[in-house]
Amino acid sequence: MLSNFRHSHLVSLVGYCHEGHEMILVFEYISQGTLSDHLHESFVKGYDSLTWIQRLKICIGAAQGLDYLHTGTSTSQRVIHRDVKSTNILLDDNLEAIIADFGISKIVATIPGCTCGSTAVRGTFGYMDPAYFTTGRLTRKSDVYSFGVVLFEVLSGRRAVDFSRDDEELGLAGWAQNCIKQGRMNEIIDSNLKMQISKKSLLAFVKIASQCLYARPSCRPTIAEIVVVLEFALALQGNSDSTQVVGAIFAGESGRCSTAVEVVYGKNQVNPFEINRRRVTFSKKVCQILSASIQSLSG
């Protein structure tokens, strides 16, 4: 499986040894440790605190790697990672995200709605999809849930599970959802980021992260949709005072929506940054995030 992967945001398998008692997998060396190291061990490891833009770009790269697993490995098969977490996202010299550790990944057929049953539920506590845990039904939306936890981990600087905190704050996913419901969104933000994040970038980021944690897997966005909204959040962050957003939301025949969005940086710039180089179809919930930001910025 690993030998078939070719993507800039997935760790490359260099080779292996299986001779006698020697069983070795050799991967490319990723120099800057894990995302978890940078979020939780930066002082100990000697890393600088990640800026908001750096964090957004890391999330986008990781999402692009997952999207490749879910949709791009072949025409007949897809891969569910099954253990998406900050320790399995490596960072290279340029702080580009590299997805690693495919030890419990599953290959599934491309049949629509296909699930991959498992005799034993596998994953990491704090990141694991509750629907997968209770039913044993594994889908790509299980990776989406885990990635949603990573998004809140990136925003808050908190671990997915922190036993040093009170019961109501023990699990990051539940605590973040409660903060949002109670209008306490500012409490989620890492203190190192307080003065860096624009409100509109934060809103787009938090909305898509929240959707990843929906209890019903069918209501969660796809990884491809997450990539677009994260790119949009990054665009909104860039010099918001002189950023123009032009776009429209179109209703589709299937009840879904498509969107075309352009973001222009600076009043004197002529060439737009195209978030979607072609029109892409998204769920209504994801289009609502984009539409609200377009309307507020292009008035």
C-alpha atoms as a PDB file:
ATOM      1  CA  MET A   1       0.000   0.000   0.000  1.00  0.00           C
ATOM      2  CA  LEU A   2       2.714   2.485   1.002  1.00  0.00           C
ATOM      3  CA  SER A   3       4.702   1.879  -2.169  1.00  0.00           C
ATOM      4  CA  ASN A   4       1.784   3.196  -4.225  1.00  0.00           C
ATOM      5  CA  PHE A   5       1.593   6.553  -2.421  1.00  0.00           C
ATOM      6  CA  ARG A   6       3.028   9.568  -4.241  1.00  0.00           C
ATOM      7  CA  HIS A   7       2.057  12.864  -2.665  1.00  0.00           C
ATOM      8  CA  SER A   8       3.995  15.820  -1.285  1.00  0.00           C
ATOM      9  CA  HIS A   9       2.037  15.722   1.990  1.00  0.00           C
ATOM     10  CA  LEU A  10       2.493  11.993   2.662  1.00  0.00           C
ATOM     11  CA  VAL A  11       5.680  10.477   4.059  1.00  0.00           C
ATOM     12  CA  SER A  12       7.570   8.437   1.438  1.00  0.00           C
ATOM     13  CA  LEU A  13       8.595   4.834   1.940  1.00  0.00           C
ATOM     14  CA  VAL A  14      12.256   4.517   0.937  1.00  0.00           C
ATOM     15  CA  GLY A  15      12.477   0.756   1.326  1.00  0.00           C
ATOM     16  CA  TYR A  16      12.276  -2.191   3.679  1.00  0.00           C
ATOM     17  CA  CYS A  17      14.283  -5.107   4.967  1.00  0.00           C
ATOM     18  CA  HIS A  18      12.827  -8.531   5.737  1.00  0.00           C
ATOM     19  CA  GLU A  19      15.726 -10.915   6.164  1.00  0.00           C
ATOM     20  CA  GLY A  20      15.924 -13.437   8.959  1.00  0.00           C
ATOM     21  CA  HIS A  21      14.906 -11.658  12.143  1.00  0.00           C
ATOM     22  CA  GLU A  22      15.433  -8.190  10.628  1.00  0.00           C
ATOM     23  CA  MET A  23      12.179  -6.427   9.791  1.00  0.00           C
ATOM     24  CA  ILE A  24      12.741  -2.749   9.031  1.00  0.00           C
ATOM     25  CA  LEU A  25      10.744  -0.018   7.298  1.00  0.00           C
ATOM     26  CA  VAL A  26      12.789   2.944   6.034  1.00  0.00           C
ATOM     27  CA  PHE A  27      11.025   6.297   5.537  1.00  0.00           C
ATOM     28  CA  GLU A  28      12.291   9.673   4.371  1.00  0.00           C
ATOM     29  CA  TYR A  29      13.675  11.792   7.201  1.00  0.00           C
ATOM     30  CA  ILE A  30      11.382  14.665   8.243  1.00  0.00           C
ATOM     31  CA  SER A  31      13.546  17.115  10.174  1.00  0.00           C
ATOM     32  CA  GLN A  32      11.223  19.290  12.267  1.00  0.00           C
ATOM     33  CA  GLY A  33       9.455  16.690  14.383  1.00  0.00           C
ATOM     34  CA  THR A  34       5.721  16.422  14.790  1.00  0.00           C
ATOM     35  CA  LEU A  35       2.935  18.976  14.901  1.00  0.00           C
ATOM     36  CA  SER A  36       2.345  17.835  18.477  1.00  0.00           C
ATOM     37  CA  ASP A  37       5.946  18.764  19.355  1.00  0.00           C
ATOM     38  CA  HIS A  38       5.443  22.293  18.038  1.00  0.00           C
ATOM     39  CA  LEU A  39       2.108  22.739  19.796  1.00  0.00           C
ATOM     40  CA  HIS A  40       2.872  21.170  23.163  1.00  0.00           C
ATOM     41  CA  GLU A  41       6.641  20.788  23.529  1.00  0.00           C
ATOM     42  CA  SER A  42       7.970  23.872  21.746  1.00  0.00           C
ATOM     43  CA  PHE A  43       9.841  25.186  24.788  1.00  0.00           C
ATOM     44  CA  VAL A  44      11.430  21.814  25.586  1.00  0.00           C
ATOM     45  CA  LYS A  45      12.300  21.088  21.932  1.00  0.00           C
ATOM     46  CA  GLY A  46      13.528  24.609  21.223  1.00  0.00           C
ATOM     47  CA  TYR A  47      10.923  25.451  18.593  1.00  0.00           C
ATOM     48  CA  ASP A  48       9.430  28.895  18.101  1.00  0.00           C
ATOM     49  CA  SER A  49       5.685  29.153  18.684  1.00  0.00           C
ATOM     50  CA  LEU A  50       3.802  28.629  15.415  1.00  0.00           C
ATOM     51  CA  THR A  51       2.041  31.698  14.044  1.00  0.00           C
ATOM     52  CA  TRP A  52      -1.600  31.547  12.980  1.00  0.00           C
ATOM     53  CA  ILE A  53      -0.679  31.645   9.289  1.00  0.00           C
ATOM     54  CA  GLN A  54       1.834  28.833   9.792  1.00  0.00           C
ATOM     55  CA  ARG A  55      -0.819  26.784  11.575  1.00  0.00           C
ATOM     56  CA  LEU A  56      -3.341  27.383   8.806  1.00  0.00           C
ATOM     57  CA  LYS A  57      -0.851  26.289   6.149  1.00  0.00           C
ATOM     58  CA  ILE A  58       0.010  23.159   8.133  1.00  0.00           C
ATOM     59  CA  CYS A  59      -3.686  22.290   8.434  1.00  0.00           C
ATOM     60  CA  ILE A  60      -4.191  22.850   4.701  1.00  0.00           C
ATOM     61  CA  GLY A  61      -1.246  20.603   3.826  1.00  0.00           C
ATOM     62  CA  ALA A  62      -2.401  17.843   6.159  1.00  0.00           C
ATOM     63  CA  ALA A  63      -5.923  18.064   4.739  1.00  0.00           C
ATOM     64  CA  GLN A  64      -4.565  17.832   1.179  1.00  0.00           C
ATOM     65  CA  GLY A  65      -2.668  14.685   2.144  1.00  0.00           C
ATOM     66  CA  LEU A  66      -5.796  13.146   3.642  1.00  0.00           C
ATOM     67  CA  ASP A  67      -7.825  14.154   0.589  1.00  0.00           C
ATOM     68  CA  TYR A  68      -5.357  12.259  -1.575  1.00  0.00           C
ATOM     69  CA  LEU A  69      -5.813   9.172   0.599  1.00  0.00           C
ATOM     70  CA  HIS A  70      -9.600   9.474   0.446  1.00  0.00           C
ATOM     71  CA  THR A  71      -9.967  10.235  -3.253  1.00  0.00           C
ATOM     72  CA  GLY A  72      -6.752  10.115  -5.220  1.00  0.00           C
ATOM     73  CA  THR A  73      -4.774   6.918  -4.648  1.00  0.00           C
ATOM     74  CA  SER A  74      -6.466   4.975  -7.468  1.00  0.00           C
ATOM     75  CA  THR A  75      -9.717   4.687  -9.385  1.00  0.00           C
ATOM     76  CA  SER A  76     -10.821   1.566  -7.552  1.00  0.00           C
ATOM     77  CA  GLN A  77      -9.547   1.969  -4.008  1.00  0.00           C
ATOM     78  CA  ARG A  78      -9.463   4.583  -1.261  1.00  0.00           C
ATOM     79  CA  VAL A  79      -7.522   4.666   2.005  1.00  0.00           C
ATOM     80  CA  ILE A  80      -8.851   5.520   5.471  1.00  0.00           C
ATOM     81  CA  HIS A  81      -5.967   6.523   7.723  1.00  0.00           C
ATOM     82  CA  ARG A  82      -7.765   5.589  10.978  1.00  0.00           C
ATOM     83  CA  ASP A  83      -5.250   7.319  13.283  1.00  0.00           C
ATOM     84  CA  VAL A  84      -5.233  11.004  12.351  1.00  0.00           C
ATOM     85  CA  LYS A  85      -3.637  12.981  15.199  1.00  0.00           C
ATOM     86  CA  SER A  86      -1.028  15.679  15.750  1.00  0.00           C
ATOM     87  CA  THR A  87       1.747  13.166  16.484  1.00  0.00           C
ATOM     88  CA  ASN A  88       1.186  11.603  13.047  1.00  0.00           C
ATOM     89  CA  ILE A  89       1.577  14.929  11.236  1.00  0.00           C
ATOM     90  CA  LEU A  90       5.271  15.597  10.656  1.00  0.00           C
ATOM     91  CA  LEU A  91       6.814  18.940   9.653  1.00  0.00           C
ATOM     92  CA  ASP A  92       9.697  19.361   7.221  1.00  0.00           C
ATOM     93  CA  ASP A  93      12.295  22.145   6.968  1.00  0.00           C
ATOM     94  CA  ASN A  94       9.687  24.512   5.513  1.00  0.00           C
ATOM     95  CA  LEU A  95       7.049  23.511   8.105  1.00  0.00           C
ATOM     96  CA  GLU A  96       5.082  21.680   5.413  1.00  0.00           C
ATOM     97  CA  ALA A  97       2.782  19.016   6.831  1.00  0.00           C
ATOM     98  CA  ILE A  98       3.576  15.364   6.091  1.00  0.00           C
ATOM     99  CA  ILE A  99       1.061  12.663   7.061  1.00  0.00           C
ATOM    100  CA  ALA A 100       2.736   9.581   8.535  1.00  0.00           C
ATOM    101  CA  ASP A 101       2.050   6.261  10.318  1.00  0.00           C
ATOM    102  CA  PHE A 102      -0.220   4.115   8.156  1.00  0.00           C
ATOM    103  CA  GLY A 103       0.081   1.095  10.430  1.00  0.00           C
ATOM    104  CA  ILE A 104      -3.672   0.683  10.975  1.00  0.00           C
ATOM    105  CA  SER A 105      -4.901   2.250   7.724  1.00  0.00           C
ATOM    106  CA  LYS A 106      -7.601   0.465   5.736  1.00  0.00           C
ATOM    107  CA  ILE A 107      -8.091   0.161   1.993  1.00  0.00           C
ATOM    108  CA  VAL A 108     -11.744   0.385   0.945  1.00  0.00           C
ATOM    109  CA  ALA A 109     -13.572   0.126  -2.351  1.00  0.00           C
ATOM    110  CA  THR A 110     -14.849   3.242  -4.118  1.00  0.00           C
ATOM    111  CA  ILE A 111     -18.501   2.162  -3.945  1.00  0.00           C
ATOM    112  CA  PRO A 112     -20.580   5.187  -2.801  1.00  0.00           C
ATOM    113  CA  GLY A 113     -21.394   4.989   0.897  1.00  0.00           C
ATOM    114  CA  CYS A 114     -19.058   2.047   1.321  1.00  0.00           C
ATOM    115  CA  THR A 115     -18.037   1.306   4.896  1.00  0.00           C
ATOM    116  CA  CYS A 116     -15.186  -0.825   6.108  1.00  0.00           C
ATOM    117  CA  GLY A 117     -16.190  -3.096   8.941  1.00  0.00           C
ATOM    118  CA  SER A 118     -13.520  -3.913  11.513  1.00  0.00           C
ATOM    119  CA  THR A 119     -13.388  -6.741  14.000  1.00  0.00           C
ATOM    120  CA  ALA A 120     -11.537  -4.460  16.404  1.00  0.00           C
ATOM    121  CA  VAL A 121     -11.982  -0.707  16.671  1.00  0.00           C
ATOM    122  CA  ARG A 122      -8.581   0.955  16.370  1.00  0.00           C
ATOM    123  CA  GLY A 123      -7.426   4.513  16.886  1.00  0.00           C
ATOM    124  CA  THR A 124      -6.350   6.923  19.610  1.00  0.00           C
ATOM    125  CA  PHE A 125      -8.488   7.988  22.547  1.00  0.00           C
ATOM    126  CA  GLY A 126      -9.475  11.637  22.217  1.00  0.00           C
ATOM    127  CA  TYR A 127      -9.306  11.600  18.428  1.00  0.00           C
ATOM    128  CA  MET A 128     -11.501   8.588  17.724  1.00  0.00           C
ATOM    129  CA  ASP A 129     -14.854   9.062  16.027  1.00  0.00           C
ATOM    130  CA  PRO A 130     -17.589   8.199  18.583  1.00  0.00           C
ATOM    131  CA  ALA A 131     -19.819   6.811  15.809  1.00  0.00           C
ATOM    132  CA  TYR A 132     -17.049   4.436  14.730  1.00  0.00           C
ATOM    133  CA  PHE A 133     -16.346   3.484  18.339  1.00  0.00           C
ATOM    134  CA  THR A 134     -19.992   2.583  19.091  1.00  0.00           C
ATOM    135  CA  THR A 135     -20.939   0.912  15.790  1.00  0.00           C
ATOM    136  CA  GLY A 136     -17.652  -0.406  14.402  1.00  0.00           C
ATOM    137  CA  ARG A 137     -18.610   1.100  11.017  1.00  0.00           C
ATOM    138  CA  LEU A 138     -15.533   2.751   9.560  1.00  0.00           C
ATOM    139  CA  THR A 139     -15.924   5.416   6.866  1.00  0.00           C
ATOM    140  CA  ARG A 140     -13.866   8.309   5.560  1.00  0.00           C
ATOM    141  CA  LYS A 141     -15.904  10.551   7.860  1.00  0.00           C
ATOM    142  CA  SER A 142     -14.117   8.861  10.781  1.00  0.00           C
ATOM    143  CA  ASP A 143     -10.901  10.529   9.580  1.00  0.00           C
ATOM    144  CA  VAL A 144     -12.850  13.783   9.269  1.00  0.00           C
ATOM    145  CA  TYR A 145     -13.823  13.644  12.959  1.00  0.00           C
ATOM    146  CA  SER A 146     -10.224  13.008  14.010  1.00  0.00           C
ATOM    147  CA  PHE A 147      -9.024  15.861  11.836  1.00  0.00           C
ATOM    148  CA  GLY A 148     -11.601  18.147  13.467  1.00  0.00           C
ATOM    149  CA  VAL A 149      -9.980  17.394  16.827  1.00  0.00           C
ATOM    150  CA  VAL A 150      -6.591  18.273  15.302  1.00  0.00           C
ATOM    151  CA  LEU A 151      -8.016  21.590  14.054  1.00  0.00           C
ATOM    152  CA  PHE A 152      -9.153  22.543  17.560  1.00  0.00           C
ATOM    153  CA  GLU A 153      -5.804  21.355  18.916  1.00  0.00           C
ATOM    154  CA  VAL A 154      -4.071  23.726  16.499  1.00  0.00           C
ATOM    155  CA  LEU A 155      -6.351  26.619  17.456  1.00  0.00           C
ATOM    156  CA  SER A 156      -6.199  26.092  21.225  1.00  0.00           C
ATOM    157  CA  GLY A 157      -2.722  24.683  21.792  1.00  0.00           C
ATOM    158  CA  ARG A 158      -4.368  22.105  24.085  1.00  0.00           C
ATOM    159  CA  ARG A 159      -3.910  18.360  23.923  1.00  0.00           C
ATOM    160  CA  ALA A 160      -6.772  16.193  22.690  1.00  0.00           C
ATOM    161  CA  VAL A 161      -6.934  14.678  26.168  1.00  0.00           C
ATOM    162  CA  ASP A 162      -5.494  16.449  29.206  1.00  0.00           C
ATOM    163  CA  PHE A 163      -5.814  14.580  32.507  1.00  0.00           C
ATOM    164  CA  SER A 164      -4.514  17.583  34.434  1.00  0.00           C
ATOM    165  CA  ARG A 165      -7.768  19.450  33.748  1.00  0.00           C
ATOM    166  CA  ASP A 166     -11.227  19.140  35.314  1.00  0.00           C
ATOM    167  CA  ASP A 167     -13.655  16.564  33.927  1.00  0.00           C
ATOM    168  CA  GLU A 168     -15.535  19.072  31.754  1.00  0.00           C
ATOM    169  CA  GLU A 169     -12.257  20.136  30.103  1.00  0.00           C
ATOM    170  CA  LEU A 170     -10.634  16.693  29.954  1.00  0.00           C
ATOM    171  CA  GLY A 171     -11.529  16.022  26.303  1.00  0.00           C
ATOM    172  CA  LEU A 172     -10.744  18.812  23.847  1.00  0.00           C
ATOM    173  CA  ALA A 173     -13.556  17.946  21.416  1.00  0.00           C
ATOM    174  CA  GLY A 174     -16.351  18.136  23.985  1.00  0.00           C
ATOM    175  CA  TRP A 175     -14.930  21.200  25.700  1.00  0.00           C
ATOM    176  CA  ALA A 176     -14.513  23.132  22.438  1.00  0.00           C
ATOM    177  CA  GLN A 177     -18.060  22.293  21.343  1.00  0.00           C
ATOM    178  CA  ASN A 178     -19.448  23.494  24.680  1.00  0.00           C
ATOM    179  CA  CYS A 179     -17.473  26.744  24.461  1.00  0.00           C
ATOM    180  CA  ILE A 180     -18.911  27.434  21.023  1.00  0.00           C
ATOM    181  CA  LYS A 181     -22.473  26.654  22.086  1.00  0.00           C
ATOM    182  CA  GLN A 182     -22.136  28.956  25.093  1.00  0.00           C
ATOM    183  CA  GLY A 183     -20.632  31.821  23.074  1.00  0.00           C
ATOM    184  CA  ARG A 184     -17.202  31.468  24.716  1.00  0.00           C
ATOM    185  CA  MET A 185     -15.240  30.983  21.502  1.00  0.00           C
ATOM    186  CA  ASN A 186     -12.402  33.268  22.611  1.00  0.00           C
ATOM    187  CA  GLU A 187     -11.534  30.821  25.395  1.00  0.00           C
ATOM    188  CA  ILE A 188     -10.518  28.247  22.792  1.00  0.00           C
ATOM    189  CA  ILE A 189      -7.817  30.416  21.227  1.00  0.00           C
ATOM    190  CA  ASP A 190      -4.190  29.765  22.194  1.00  0.00           C
ATOM    191  CA  SER A 191      -2.891  32.769  24.148  1.00  0.00           C
ATOM    192  CA  ASN A 192       0.027  32.986  21.691  1.00  0.00           C
ATOM    193  CA  LEU A 193      -2.459  33.703  18.894  1.00  0.00           C
ATOM    194  CA  LYS A 194      -4.808  36.181  20.567  1.00  0.00           C
ATOM    195  CA  MET A 195      -3.508  39.234  18.685  1.00  0.00           C
ATOM    196  CA  GLN A 196      -2.888  37.449  15.382  1.00  0.00           C
ATOM    197  CA  ILE A 197      -6.208  36.053  14.178  1.00  0.00           C
ATOM    198  CA  SER A 198      -8.683  38.123  12.192  1.00  0.00           C
ATOM    199  CA  LYS A 199     -12.288  37.598  13.235  1.00  0.00           C
ATOM    200  CA  LYS A 200     -13.429  36.374   9.831  1.00  0.00           C
ATOM    201  CA  SER A 201     -10.572  33.903   9.486  1.00  0.00           C
ATOM    202  CA  LEU A 202     -11.354  32.588  12.969  1.00  0.00           C
ATOM    203  CA  LEU A 203     -15.057  32.254  12.185  1.00  0.00           C
ATOM    204  CA  ALA A 204     -14.482  30.251   9.006  1.00  0.00           C
ATOM    205  CA  PHE A 205     -11.945  28.010  10.776  1.00  0.00           C
ATOM    206  CA  VAL A 206     -14.133  27.346  13.826  1.00  0.00           C
ATOM    207  CA  LYS A 207     -17.227  26.636  11.740  1.00  0.00           C
ATOM    208  CA  ILE A 208     -15.568  23.984   9.594  1.00  0.00           C
ATOM    209  CA  ALA A 209     -13.807  22.456  12.627  1.00  0.00           C
ATOM    210  CA  SER A 210     -17.162  22.256  14.443  1.00  0.00           C
ATOM    211  CA  GLN A 211     -18.801  20.542  11.478  1.00  0.00           C
ATOM    212  CA  CYS A 212     -16.081  17.878  11.531  1.00  0.00           C
ATOM    213  CA  LEU A 213     -17.242  16.900  15.043  1.00  0.00           C
ATOM    214  CA  TYR A 214     -20.924  16.414  14.210  1.00  0.00           C
ATOM    215  CA  ALA A 215     -22.288  13.256  15.825  1.00  0.00           C
ATOM    216  CA  ARG A 216     -23.769  11.953  12.551  1.00  0.00           C
ATOM    217  CA  PRO A 217     -20.994  11.125  10.085  1.00  0.00           C
ATOM    218  CA  SER A 218     -23.228  11.983   7.117  1.00  0.00           C
ATOM    219  CA  CYS A 219     -23.478  15.586   8.344  1.00  0.00           C
ATOM    220  CA  ARG A 220     -19.710  16.083   8.421  1.00  0.00           C
ATOM    221  CA  PRO A 221     -17.922  17.738   5.482  1.00  0.00           C
ATOM    222  CA  THR A 222     -15.578  15.831   3.199  1.00  0.00           C
ATOM    223  CA  ILE A 223     -11.858  16.434   3.431  1.00  0.00           C
ATOM    224  CA  ALA A 224     -12.010  18.194   0.039  1.00  0.00           C
ATOM    225  CA  GLU A 225     -14.526  20.662   1.446  1.00  0.00           C
ATOM    226  CA  ILE A 226     -12.335  21.217   4.492  1.00  0.00           C
ATOM    227  CA  VAL A 227      -9.364  22.072   2.244  1.00  0.00           C
ATOM    228  CA  VAL A 228     -11.365  24.800   0.470  1.00  0.00           C
ATOM    229  CA  VAL A 229     -12.666  26.400   3.676  1.00  0.00           C
ATOM    230  CA  LEU A 230      -9.197  26.344   5.264  1.00  0.00           C
ATOM    231  CA  GLU A 231      -7.767  28.011   2.156  1.00  0.00           C
ATOM    232  CA  PHE A 232     -10.552  30.564   2.454  1.00  0.00           C
ATOM    233  CA  ALA A 233      -9.691  31.181   6.117  1.00  0.00           C
ATOM    234  CA  LEU A 234      -6.064  31.719   5.085  1.00  0.00           C
ATOM    235  CA  ALA A 235      -7.129  34.187   2.398  1.00  0.00           C
ATOM    236  CA  LEU A 236      -9.295  36.066   4.884  1.00  0.00           C
ATOM    237  CA  GLN A 237      -6.346  36.297   7.269  1.00  0.00           C
ATOM    238  CA  GLY A 238      -4.112  37.953   4.689  1.00  0.00           C
ATOM    239  CA  ASN A 239      -4.214  41.741   5.111  1.00  0.00           C
ATOM    240  CA  SER A 240      -7.957  41.876   5.730  1.00  0.00           C
ATOM    241  CA  ASP A 241      -8.082  45.678   5.471  1.00  0.00           C
ATOM    242  CA  SER A 242      -7.235  45.598   1.779  1.00  0.00           C
ATOM    243  CA  THR A 243      -8.727  42.282   0.743  1.00  0.00           C
ATOM    244  CA  GLN A 244     -11.609  42.078  -1.684  1.00  0.00           C
ATOM    245  CA  VAL A 245     -13.721  38.947  -1.921  1.00  0.00           C
ATOM    246  CA  VAL A 246     -15.794  38.264  -5.013  1.00  0.00           C
ATOM    247  CA  GLY A 247     -17.923  35.179  -5.263  1.00  0.00           C
ATOM    248  CA  ALA A 248     -21.297  33.585  -5.669  1.00  0.00           C
ATOM    249  CA  ILE A 249     -23.187  30.550  -4.428  1.00  0.00           C
ATOM    250  CA  PHE A 250     -25.185  28.567  -6.977  1.00  0.00           C
ATOM    251  CA  ALA A 251     -27.913  26.044  -6.189  1.00  0.00           C
ATOM    252  CA  GLY A 252     -27.355  22.641  -7.727  1.00  0.00           C
ATOM    253  CA  GLU A 253     -29.943  20.249  -9.150  1.00  0.00           C
ATOM    254  CA  SER A 254     -29.183  17.630  -6.515  1.00  0.00           C
ATOM    255  CA  GLY A 255     -29.969  19.948  -3.625  1.00  0.00           C
ATOM    256  CA  ARG A 256     -26.295  20.598  -3.064  1.00  0.00           C
ATOM    257  CA  CYS A 257     -24.514  23.844  -3.869  1.00  0.00           C
ATOM    258  CA  SER A 258     -21.538  24.941  -5.899  1.00  0.00           C
ATOM    259  CA  THR A 259     -19.357  27.942  -5.286  1.00  0.00           C
ATOM    260  CA  ALA A 260     -16.948  30.118  -7.222  1.00  0.00           C
ATOM    261  CA  VAL A 261     -14.775  32.399  -5.112  1.00  0.00           C
ATOM    262  CA  GLU A 262     -11.998  34.844  -5.901  1.00  0.00           C
ATOM    263  CA  VAL A 263      -9.959  36.784  -3.368  1.00  0.00           C
ATOM    264  CA  VAL A 264      -7.970  39.847  -4.416  1.00  0.00           C
ATOM    265  CA  TYR A 265      -5.176  41.060  -2.115  1.00  0.00           C
ATOM    266  CA  GLY A 266      -4.688  44.813  -2.045  1.00  0.00           C
ATOM    267  CA  LYS A 267      -6.526  47.559  -3.885  1.00  0.00           C
ATOM    268  CA  ASN A 268      -3.942  47.847  -6.668  1.00  0.00           C
ATOM    269  CA  GLN A 269      -3.560  44.172  -7.464  1.00  0.00           C
ATOM    270  CA  VAL A 270      -5.060  42.882 -10.661  1.00  0.00           C
ATOM    271  CA  ASN A 271      -4.459  39.156 -10.471  1.00  0.00           C
ATOM    272  CA  PRO A 272      -6.865  37.418  -8.085  1.00  0.00           C
ATOM    273  CA  PHE A 273      -6.016  34.489  -5.902  1.00  0.00           C
ATOM    274  CA  GLU A 274      -8.473  31.817  -6.994  1.00  0.00           C
ATOM    275  CA  ILE A 275      -9.545  29.548  -4.179  1.00  0.00           C
ATOM    276  CA  ASN A 276     -11.384  27.326  -6.667  1.00  0.00           C
ATOM    277  CA  ARG A 277      -9.839  27.204 -10.102  1.00  0.00           C
ATOM    278  CA  ARG A 278     -13.039  25.600 -11.293  1.00  0.00           C
ATOM    279  CA  ARG A 279     -16.487  25.481  -9.837  1.00  0.00           C
ATOM    280  CA  VAL A 280     -16.738  22.792  -7.178  1.00  0.00           C
ATOM    281  CA  THR A 281     -19.830  21.288  -5.592  1.00  0.00           C
ATOM    282  CA  PHE A 282     -20.138  21.448  -1.805  1.00  0.00           C
ATOM    283  CA  SER A 283     -22.753  20.709   0.818  1.00  0.00           C
ATOM    284  CA  LYS A 284     -25.108  23.530   1.811  1.00  0.00           C
ATOM    285  CA  LYS A 285     -23.517  23.805   5.262  1.00  0.00           C
ATOM    286  CA  VAL A 286     -20.061  24.414   3.803  1.00  0.00           C
ATOM    287  CA  CYS A 287     -21.448  26.895   1.282  1.00  0.00           C
ATOM    288  CA  GLN A 288     -23.064  28.814   4.136  1.00  0.00           C
ATOM    289  CA  ILE A 289     -19.612  29.430   5.623  1.00  0.00           C
ATOM    290  CA  LEU A 290     -18.293  30.751   2.329  1.00  0.00           C
ATOM    291  CA  SER A 291     -21.439  32.710   1.505  1.00  0.00           C
ATOM    292  CA  ALA A 292     -21.528  34.530   4.857  1.00  0.00           C
ATOM    293  CA  SER A 293     -17.907  35.623   4.495  1.00  0.00           C
ATOM    294  CA  ILE A 294     -18.396  36.687   0.866  1.00  0.00           C
ATOM    295  CA  GLN A 295     -21.413  38.823   1.738  1.00  0.00           C
ATOM    296  CA  SER A 296     -19.689  40.499   4.694  1.00  0.00           C
ATOM    297  CA  LEU A 297     -16.527  41.330   2.738  1.00  0.00           C
ATOM    298  CA  SER A 298     -17.844  42.210  -0.718  1.00  0.00           C
ATOM    299  CA  GLY A 299     -20.629  44.601   0.303  1.00  0.00           C
END
